[in-house]
Full PDB file with SEQRES, HELIX, SHEET, SSBOND, CRYST1, ORIGX, SCALE, CONECT and MASTER records, all heavy atoms in Angstrom:
SEQRES   1 A   30  ARG ARG VAL GLY TRP ASN GLY LYS GLY MET HIS ILE TYR          
SEQRES   2 A   30  LEU GLU ASP GLY TYR SER HIS THR ILE LYS ALA GLY VAL          
SEQRES   3 A   30  PHE LYS GLY GLU                                              
CRYST1    1.000    1.000    1.000  90.00  90.00  90.00 P 1           1          
ORIGX1      1.000000  0.000000  0.000000        0.00000                         
ORIGX2      0.000000  1.000000  0.000000        0.00000                         
ORIGX3      0.000000  0.000000  1.000000        0.00000                         
SCALE1      1.000000  0.000000  0.000000        0.00000                         
SCALE2      0.000000  1.000000  0.000000        0.00000                         
SCALE3      0.000000  0.000000  1.000000        0.00000                         
ATOM      1  N   ARG A   1      18.743  93.951  79.606  1.00  0.00           N  
ATOM      2  CA  ARG A   1      18.105  93.885  78.289  1.00  0.00           C  
ATOM      3  C   ARG A   1      16.615  93.652  78.486  1.00  0.00           C  
ATOM      4  O   ARG A   1      16.167  93.275  79.571  1.00  0.00           O  
ATOM      5  CB  ARG A   1      18.701  92.761  77.463  1.00  0.00           C  
ATOM      6  CG  ARG A   1      18.422  91.398  78.051  1.00  0.00           C  
ATOM      7  CD  ARG A   1      18.979  90.297  77.194  1.00  0.00           C  
ATOM      8  NE  ARG A   1      18.813  89.028  77.906  1.00  0.00           N  
ATOM      9  CZ  ARG A   1      19.707  88.076  77.923  1.00  0.00           C  
ATOM     10  NH1 ARG A   1      20.833  88.207  77.274  1.00  0.00           N  
ATOM     11  NH2 ARG A   1      19.475  86.969  78.589  1.00  0.00           N  
ATOM     12  N   ARG A   2      15.874  93.846  77.401  1.00  0.00           N  
ATOM     13  CA  ARG A   2      14.456  93.519  77.398  1.00  0.00           C  
ATOM     14  C   ARG A   2      14.296  92.118  76.827  1.00  0.00           C  
ATOM     15  O   ARG A   2      14.959  91.733  75.879  1.00  0.00           O  
ATOM     16  CB  ARG A   2      13.679  94.491  76.495  1.00  0.00           C  
ATOM     17  CG  ARG A   2      13.718  95.931  76.876  1.00  0.00           C  
ATOM     18  CD  ARG A   2      12.504  96.446  77.603  1.00  0.00           C  
ATOM     19  NE  ARG A   2      11.241  95.857  77.302  1.00  0.00           N  
ATOM     20  CZ  ARG A   2      10.344  96.362  76.438  1.00  0.00           C  
ATOM     21  NH1 ARG A   2      10.594  97.478  75.786  1.00  0.00           N  
ATOM     22  NH2 ARG A   2       9.203  95.752  76.256  1.00  0.00           N  
ATOM     23  N   VAL A   3      13.385  91.361  77.404  1.00  0.00           N  
ATOM     24  CA  VAL A   3      13.114  90.006  76.915  1.00  0.00           C  
ATOM     25  C   VAL A   3      12.703  90.052  75.446  1.00  0.00           C  
ATOM     26  O   VAL A   3      13.104  89.215  74.648  1.00  0.00           O  
ATOM     27  CB  VAL A   3      12.026  89.324  77.777  1.00  0.00           C  
ATOM     28  CG1 VAL A   3      11.585  88.008  77.166  1.00  0.00           C  
ATOM     29  CG2 VAL A   3      12.520  89.127  79.197  1.00  0.00           C  
ATOM     30  N   GLY A   4      11.948  91.072  75.066  1.00  0.00           N  
ATOM     31  CA  GLY A   4      11.440  91.181  73.697  1.00  0.00           C  
ATOM     32  C   GLY A   4      12.433  91.631  72.654  1.00  0.00           C  
ATOM     33  O   GLY A   4      12.130  91.618  71.463  1.00  0.00           O  
ATOM     34  N   TRP A   5      13.629  92.060  73.053  1.00  0.00           N  
ATOM     35  CA  TRP A   5      14.623  92.471  72.058  1.00  0.00           C  
ATOM     36  C   TRP A   5      15.071  91.235  71.309  1.00  0.00           C  
ATOM     37  O   TRP A   5      15.492  90.245  71.889  1.00  0.00           O  
ATOM     38  CB  TRP A   5      15.813  93.138  72.714  1.00  0.00           C  
ATOM     39  CG  TRP A   5      15.541  94.540  73.185  1.00  0.00           C  
ATOM     40  CD1 TRP A   5      14.426  95.283  72.968  1.00  0.00           C  
ATOM     41  CD2 TRP A   5      16.412  95.361  73.951  1.00  0.00           C  
ATOM     42  NE1 TRP A   5      14.540  96.516  73.551  1.00  0.00           N  
ATOM     43  CE2 TRP A   5      15.761  96.595  74.163  1.00  0.00           C  
ATOM     44  CE3 TRP A   5      17.682  95.179  74.484  1.00  0.00           C  
ATOM     45  CZ2 TRP A   5      16.342  97.637  74.873  1.00  0.00           C  
ATOM     46  CZ3 TRP A   5      18.252  96.212  75.200  1.00  0.00           C  
ATOM     47  CH2 TRP A   5      17.590  97.431  75.380  1.00  0.00           C  
ATOM     48  N   ASN A   6      14.972  91.284  69.987  1.00  0.00           N  
ATOM     49  CA  ASN A   6      15.263  90.083  69.199  1.00  0.00           C  
ATOM     50  C   ASN A   6      16.649  90.074  68.570  1.00  0.00           C  
ATOM     51  O   ASN A   6      16.988  89.161  67.848  1.00  0.00           O  
ATOM     52  CB  ASN A   6      14.188  89.861  68.127  1.00  0.00           C  
ATOM     53  CG  ASN A   6      13.957  91.096  67.285  1.00  0.00           C  
ATOM     54  OD1 ASN A   6      14.652  92.087  67.427  1.00  0.00           O  
ATOM     55  ND2 ASN A   6      12.970  91.042  66.416  1.00  0.00           N  
ATOM     56  N   GLY A   7      17.464  91.073  68.830  1.00  0.00           N  
ATOM     57  CA  GLY A   7      18.837  91.048  68.329  1.00  0.00           C  
ATOM     58  C   GLY A   7      19.716  90.237  69.268  1.00  0.00           C  
ATOM     59  O   GLY A   7      19.728  90.465  70.470  1.00  0.00           O  
ATOM     60  N   LYS A   8      20.436  89.279  68.726  1.00  0.00           N  
ATOM     61  CA  LYS A   8      21.250  88.390  69.553  1.00  0.00           C  
ATOM     62  C   LYS A   8      22.308  89.182  70.316  1.00  0.00           C  
ATOM     63  O   LYS A   8      23.094  89.916  69.742  1.00  0.00           O  
ATOM     64  CB  LYS A   8      21.919  87.338  68.681  1.00  0.00           C  
ATOM     65  CG  LYS A   8      22.691  86.323  69.492  1.00  0.00           C  
ATOM     66  CD  LYS A   8      23.226  85.200  68.650  1.00  0.00           C  
ATOM     67  CE  LYS A   8      23.890  84.187  69.563  1.00  0.00           C  
ATOM     68  NZ  LYS A   8      24.361  83.039  68.825  1.00  0.00           N  
ATOM     69  N   GLY A   9      22.286  89.044  71.628  1.00  0.00           N  
ATOM     70  CA  GLY A   9      23.294  89.658  72.477  1.00  0.00           C  
ATOM     71  C   GLY A   9      23.063  91.118  72.820  1.00  0.00           C  
ATOM     72  O   GLY A   9      23.858  91.708  73.552  1.00  0.00           O  
ATOM     73  N   MET A  10      21.994  91.725  72.303  1.00  0.00           N  
ATOM     74  CA  MET A  10      21.743  93.137  72.588  1.00  0.00           C  
ATOM     75  C   MET A  10      21.529  93.357  74.081  1.00  0.00           C  
ATOM     76  O   MET A  10      20.840  92.591  74.736  1.00  0.00           O  
ATOM     77  CB  MET A  10      20.518  93.634  71.821  1.00  0.00           C  
ATOM     78  CG  MET A  10      20.729  93.768  70.342  1.00  0.00           C  
ATOM     79  SD  MET A  10      19.223  94.270  69.473  1.00  0.00           S  
ATOM     80  CE  MET A  10      18.906  95.864  70.211  1.00  0.00           C  
ATOM     81  N   HIS A  11      22.146  94.413  74.597  1.00  0.00           N  
ATOM     82  CA  HIS A  11      21.960  94.791  75.992  1.00  0.00           C  
ATOM     83  C   HIS A  11      22.435  96.226  76.166  1.00  0.00           C  
ATOM     84  O   HIS A  11      23.061  96.794  75.275  1.00  0.00           O  
ATOM     85  CB  HIS A  11      22.719  93.849  76.936  1.00  0.00           C  
ATOM     86  CG  HIS A  11      24.201  93.838  76.721  1.00  0.00           C  
ATOM     87  ND1 HIS A  11      24.800  92.982  75.825  1.00  0.00           N  
ATOM     88  CD2 HIS A  11      25.198  94.579  77.266  1.00  0.00           C  
ATOM     89  CE1 HIS A  11      26.103  93.188  75.837  1.00  0.00           C  
ATOM     90  NE2 HIS A  11      26.370  94.160  76.711  1.00  0.00           N  
ATOM     91  N   ILE A  12      22.119  96.812  77.323  1.00  0.00           N  
ATOM     92  CA  ILE A  12      22.635  98.140  77.631  1.00  0.00           C  
ATOM     93  C   ILE A  12      23.478  98.062  78.892  1.00  0.00           C  
ATOM     94  O   ILE A  12      23.320  97.154  79.718  1.00  0.00           O  
ATOM     95  CB  ILE A  12      21.518  99.200  77.771  1.00  0.00           C  
ATOM     96  CG1 ILE A  12      20.537  98.846  78.876  1.00  0.00           C  
ATOM     97  CG2 ILE A  12      20.819  99.423  76.454  1.00  0.00           C  
ATOM     98  CD1 ILE A  12      19.528  99.941  79.175  1.00  0.00           C  
ATOM     99  N   TYR A  13      24.393  99.001  79.003  1.00  0.00           N  
ATOM    100  CA  TYR A  13      25.257  99.077  80.174  1.00  0.00           C  
ATOM    101  C   TYR A  13      25.641 100.527  80.407  1.00  0.00           C  
ATOM    102  O   TYR A  13      25.541 101.364  79.503  1.00  0.00           O  
ATOM    103  CB  TYR A  13      26.500  98.195  80.009  1.00  0.00           C  
ATOM    104  CG  TYR A  13      27.382  98.562  78.834  1.00  0.00           C  
ATOM    105  CD1 TYR A  13      28.473  99.406  79.000  1.00  0.00           C  
ATOM    106  CD2 TYR A  13      27.120  98.079  77.557  1.00  0.00           C  
ATOM    107  CE1 TYR A  13      29.286  99.750  77.934  1.00  0.00           C  
ATOM    108  CE2 TYR A  13      27.918  98.411  76.483  1.00  0.00           C  
ATOM    109  CZ  TYR A  13      29.003  99.249  76.680  1.00  0.00           C  
ATOM    110  OH  TYR A  13      29.799  99.594  75.616  1.00  0.00           O  
ATOM    111  N   LEU A  14      26.053 100.831  81.616  1.00  0.00           N  
ATOM    112  CA  LEU A  14      26.476 102.173  81.988  1.00  0.00           C  
ATOM    113  C   LEU A  14      27.990 102.250  81.870  1.00  0.00           C  
ATOM    114  O   LEU A  14      28.711 101.475  82.508  1.00  0.00           O  
ATOM    115  CB  LEU A  14      26.032 102.478  83.421  1.00  0.00           C  
ATOM    116  CG  LEU A  14      26.412 103.838  83.986  1.00  0.00           C  
ATOM    117  CD1 LEU A  14      25.793 104.966  83.161  1.00  0.00           C  
ATOM    118  CD2 LEU A  14      25.961 103.943  85.440  1.00  0.00           C  
ATOM    119  N   GLU A  15      28.460 103.157  81.054  1.00  0.00           N  
ATOM    120  CA  GLU A  15      29.900 103.363  80.855  1.00  0.00           C  
ATOM    121  C   GLU A  15      30.326 104.576  81.679  1.00  0.00           C  
ATOM    122  O   GLU A  15      29.698 105.630  81.603  1.00  0.00           O  
ATOM    123  CB  GLU A  15      30.183 103.606  79.371  1.00  0.00           C  
ATOM    124  CG  GLU A  15      31.644 103.792  79.020  1.00  0.00           C  
ATOM    125  CD  GLU A  15      32.445 102.511  79.127  1.00  0.00           C  
ATOM    126  OE1 GLU A  15      31.978 101.462  78.666  1.00  0.00           O  
ATOM    127  OE2 GLU A  15      33.549 102.573  79.689  1.00  0.00           O  
ATOM    128  N   ASP A  16      31.372 104.420  82.464  1.00  0.00           N  
ATOM    129  CA  ASP A  16      31.899 105.546  83.227  1.00  0.00           C  
ATOM    130  C   ASP A  16      32.417 106.623  82.285  1.00  0.00           C  
ATOM    131  O   ASP A  16      32.805 106.348  81.153  1.00  0.00           O  
ATOM    132  CB  ASP A  16      33.057 105.096  84.130  1.00  0.00           C  
ATOM    133  CG  ASP A  16      32.595 104.235  85.284  1.00  0.00           C  
ATOM    134  OD1 ASP A  16      31.425 104.371  85.693  1.00  0.00           O  
ATOM    135  OD2 ASP A  16      33.405 103.435  85.779  1.00  0.00           O  
ATOM    136  N   GLY A  17      32.455 107.836  82.770  1.00  0.00           N  
ATOM    137  CA  GLY A  17      33.049 108.907  81.989  1.00  0.00           C  
ATOM    138  C   GLY A  17      34.539 108.667  81.824  1.00  0.00           C  
ATOM    139  O   GLY A  17      35.159 107.914  82.567  1.00  0.00           O  
ATOM    140  N   TYR A  18      35.148 109.305  80.852  1.00  0.00           N  
ATOM    141  CA  TYR A  18      36.582 109.164  80.614  1.00  0.00           C  
ATOM    142  C   TYR A  18      37.087 110.416  79.914  1.00  0.00           C  
ATOM    143  O   TYR A  18      36.311 111.272  79.489  1.00  0.00           O  
ATOM    144  CB  TYR A  18      36.886 107.907  79.796  1.00  0.00           C  
ATOM    145  CG  TYR A  18      36.257 107.891  78.420  1.00  0.00           C  
ATOM    146  CD1 TYR A  18      36.956 108.372  77.316  1.00  0.00           C  
ATOM    147  CD2 TYR A  18      34.981 107.400  78.226  1.00  0.00           C  
ATOM    148  CE1 TYR A  18      36.377 108.364  76.058  1.00  0.00           C  
ATOM    149  CE2 TYR A  18      34.394 107.381  76.977  1.00  0.00           C  
ATOM    150  CZ  TYR A  18      35.102 107.867  75.898  1.00  0.00           C  
ATOM    151  OH  TYR A  18      34.531 107.866  74.659  1.00  0.00           O  
ATOM    152  N   SER A  19      38.389 110.517  79.772  1.00  0.00           N  
ATOM    153  CA  SER A  19      38.961 111.644  79.044  1.00  0.00           C  
ATOM    154  C   SER A  19      39.953 111.108  78.016  1.00  0.00           C  
ATOM    155  O   SER A  19      40.565 110.059  78.216  1.00  0.00           O  
ATOM    156  CB  SER A  19      39.646 112.616  80.005  1.00  0.00           C  
ATOM    157  OG  SER A  19      40.749 112.017  80.627  1.00  0.00           O  
ATOM    158  N   HIS A  20      40.078 111.839  76.923  1.00  0.00           N  
ATOM    159  CA  HIS A  20      41.027 111.475  75.884  1.00  0.00           C  
ATOM    160  C   HIS A  20      41.388 112.729  75.084  1.00  0.00           C  
ATOM    161  O   HIS A  20      40.705 113.745  75.165  1.00  0.00           O  
ATOM    162  CB  HIS A  20      40.469 110.377  74.975  1.00  0.00           C  
ATOM    163  CG  HIS A  20      39.279 110.804  74.180  1.00  0.00           C  
ATOM    164  ND1 HIS A  20      38.010 110.856  74.711  1.00  0.00           N  
ATOM    165  CD2 HIS A  20      39.162 111.212  72.902  1.00  0.00           C  
ATOM    166  CE1 HIS A  20      37.160 111.276  73.790  1.00  0.00           C  
ATOM    167  NE2 HIS A  20      37.832 111.504  72.684  1.00  0.00           N  
ATOM    168  N   THR A  21      42.444 112.636  74.306  1.00  0.00           N  
ATOM    169  CA  THR A  21      42.884 113.743  73.473  1.00  0.00           C  
ATOM    170  C   THR A  21      42.331 113.549  72.070  1.00  0.00           C  
ATOM    171  O   THR A  21      42.440 112.459  71.496  1.00  0.00           O  
ATOM    172  CB  THR A  21      44.425 113.817  73.434  1.00  0.00           C  
ATOM    173  OG1 THR A  21      44.885 113.960  74.780  1.00  0.00           O  
ATOM    174  CG2 THR A  21      44.904 114.987  72.603  1.00  0.00           C  
ATOM    175  N   ILE A  22      41.743 114.612  71.516  1.00  0.00           N  
ATOM    176  CA  ILE A  22      41.186 114.574  70.164  1.00  0.00           C  
ATOM    177  C   ILE A  22      42.331 114.438  69.162  1.00  0.00           C  
ATOM    178  O   ILE A  22      43.313 115.182  69.227  1.00  0.00           O  
ATOM    179  CB  ILE A  22      40.363 115.853  69.873  1.00  0.00           C  
ATOM    180  CG1 ILE A  22      39.298 116.077  70.940  1.00  0.00           C  
ATOM    181  CG2 ILE A  22      39.769 115.809  68.471  1.00  0.00           C  
ATOM    182  CD1 ILE A  22      38.288 114.980  71.058  1.00  0.00           C  
ATOM    183  N   LYS A  23      42.219 113.476  68.241  1.00  0.00           N  
ATOM    184  CA  LYS A  23      43.307 113.177  67.308  1.00  0.00           C  
ATOM    185  C   LYS A  23      43.212 113.913  65.978  1.00  0.00           C  
ATOM    186  O   LYS A  23      44.199 114.013  65.264  1.00  0.00           O  
ATOM    187  CB  LYS A  23      43.369 111.667  67.069  1.00  0.00           C  
ATOM    188  CG  LYS A  23      43.743 110.900  68.315  1.00  0.00           C  
ATOM    189  CD  LYS A  23      43.853 109.420  68.046  1.00  0.00           C  
ATOM    190  CE  LYS A  23      44.219 108.701  69.335  1.00  0.00           C  
ATOM    191  NZ  LYS A  23      44.312 107.268  69.151  1.00  0.00           N  
ATOM    192  N   ALA A  24      42.021 114.391  65.613  1.00  0.00           N  
ATOM    193  CA  ALA A  24      41.876 115.049  64.309  1.00  0.00           C  
ATOM    194  C   ALA A  24      40.724 116.039  64.353  1.00  0.00           C  
ATOM    195  O   ALA A  24      39.917 116.033  65.281  1.00  0.00           O  
ATOM    196  CB  ALA A  24      41.625 113.997  63.225  1.00  0.00           C  
ATOM    197  N   GLY A  25      40.660 116.879  63.348  1.00  0.00           N  
ATOM    198  CA  GLY A  25      39.549 117.814  63.232  1.00  0.00           C  
ATOM    199  C   GLY A  25      39.813 119.150  63.906  1.00  0.00           C  
ATOM    200  O   GLY A  25      40.930 119.465  64.324  1.00  0.00           O  
ATOM    201  N   VAL A  26      38.778 119.935  64.037  1.00  0.00           N  
ATOM    202  CA  VAL A  26      38.862 121.291  64.568  1.00  0.00           C  
ATOM    203  C   VAL A  26      39.445 121.324  65.976  1.00  0.00           C  
ATOM    204  O   VAL A  26      40.190 122.244  66.330  1.00  0.00           O  
ATOM    205  CB  VAL A  26      37.466 121.957  64.548  1.00  0.00           C  
ATOM    206  CG1 VAL A  26      37.503 123.333  65.184  1.00  0.00           C  
ATOM    207  CG2 VAL A  26      36.932 122.035  63.129  1.00  0.00           C  
ATOM    208  N   PHE A  27      39.136 120.340  66.784  1.00  0.00           N  
ATOM    209  CA  PHE A  27      39.577 120.319  68.181  1.00  0.00           C  
ATOM    210  C   PHE A  27      40.812 119.450  68.399  1.00  0.00           C  
ATOM    211  O   PHE A  27      41.105 119.055  69.525  1.00  0.00           O  
ATOM    212  CB  PHE A  27      38.436 119.865  69.088  1.00  0.00           C  
ATOM    213  CG  PHE A  27      37.255 120.786  69.047  1.00  0.00           C  
ATOM    214  CD1 PHE A  27      36.116 120.450  68.325  1.00  0.00           C  
ATOM    215  CD2 PHE A  27      37.291 122.001  69.702  1.00  0.00           C  
ATOM    216  CE1 PHE A  27      35.026 121.298  68.280  1.00  0.00           C  
ATOM    217  CE2 PHE A  27      36.211 122.870  69.659  1.00  0.00           C  
ATOM    218  CZ  PHE A  27      35.073 122.518  68.944  1.00  0.00           C  
ATOM    219  N   LYS A  28      41.557 119.179  67.339  1.00  0.00           N  
ATOM    220  CA  LYS A  28      42.752 118.325  67.424  1.00  0.00           C  
ATOM    221  C   LYS A  28      43.675 118.814  68.535  1.00  0.00           C  
ATOM    222  O   LYS A  28      43.965 120.003  68.653  1.00  0.00           O  
ATOM    223  CB  LYS A  28      43.499 118.323  66.098  1.00  0.00           C  
ATOM    224  CG  LYS A  28      44.711 117.421  66.087  1.00  0.00           C  
ATOM    225  CD  LYS A  28      45.392 117.416  64.736  1.00  0.00           C  
ATOM    226  CE  LYS A  28      46.600 116.492  64.768  1.00  0.00           C  
ATOM    227  NZ  LYS A  28      47.247 116.433  63.454  1.00  0.00           N  
ATOM    228  N   GLY A  29      44.115 117.855  69.372  1.00  0.00           N  
ATOM    229  CA  GLY A  29      45.041 118.159  70.450  1.00  0.00           C  
ATOM    230  C   GLY A  29      44.376 118.567  71.751  1.00  0.00           C  
ATOM    231  O   GLY A  29      45.033 118.613  72.795  1.00  0.00           O  
ATOM    232  N   GLU A  30      43.096 118.880  71.713  1.00  0.00           N  
ATOM    233  CA  GLU A  30      42.394 119.267  72.935  1.00  0.00           C  
ATOM    234  C   GLU A  30      41.939 118.033  73.700  1.00  0.00           C  
ATOM    235  O   GLU A  30      41.704 116.979  73.131  1.00  0.00           O  
ATOM    236  CB  GLU A  30      41.195 120.157  72.614  1.00  0.00           C  
ATOM    237  CG  GLU A  30      41.602 121.518  72.081  1.00  0.00           C  
ATOM    238  CD  GLU A  30      40.434 122.455  71.904  1.00  0.00           C  
ATOM    239  OE1 GLU A  30      39.367 122.217  72.518  1.00  0.00           O  
ATOM    240  OE2 GLU A  30      40.581 123.418  71.134  1.00  0.00           O  
TER     241      GLU A  30                                                      
MASTER        0    0    0    0    0    0    0    6  240    1    0    3          
END                                                                             
């Protein structure tokens, strides 16, 4: 995080890629 960020608990992190099945919409089931 940046010291100057004034939102309590704000931070960034790197999320690994993942896969999931689309549940609704045009791409449902893909």
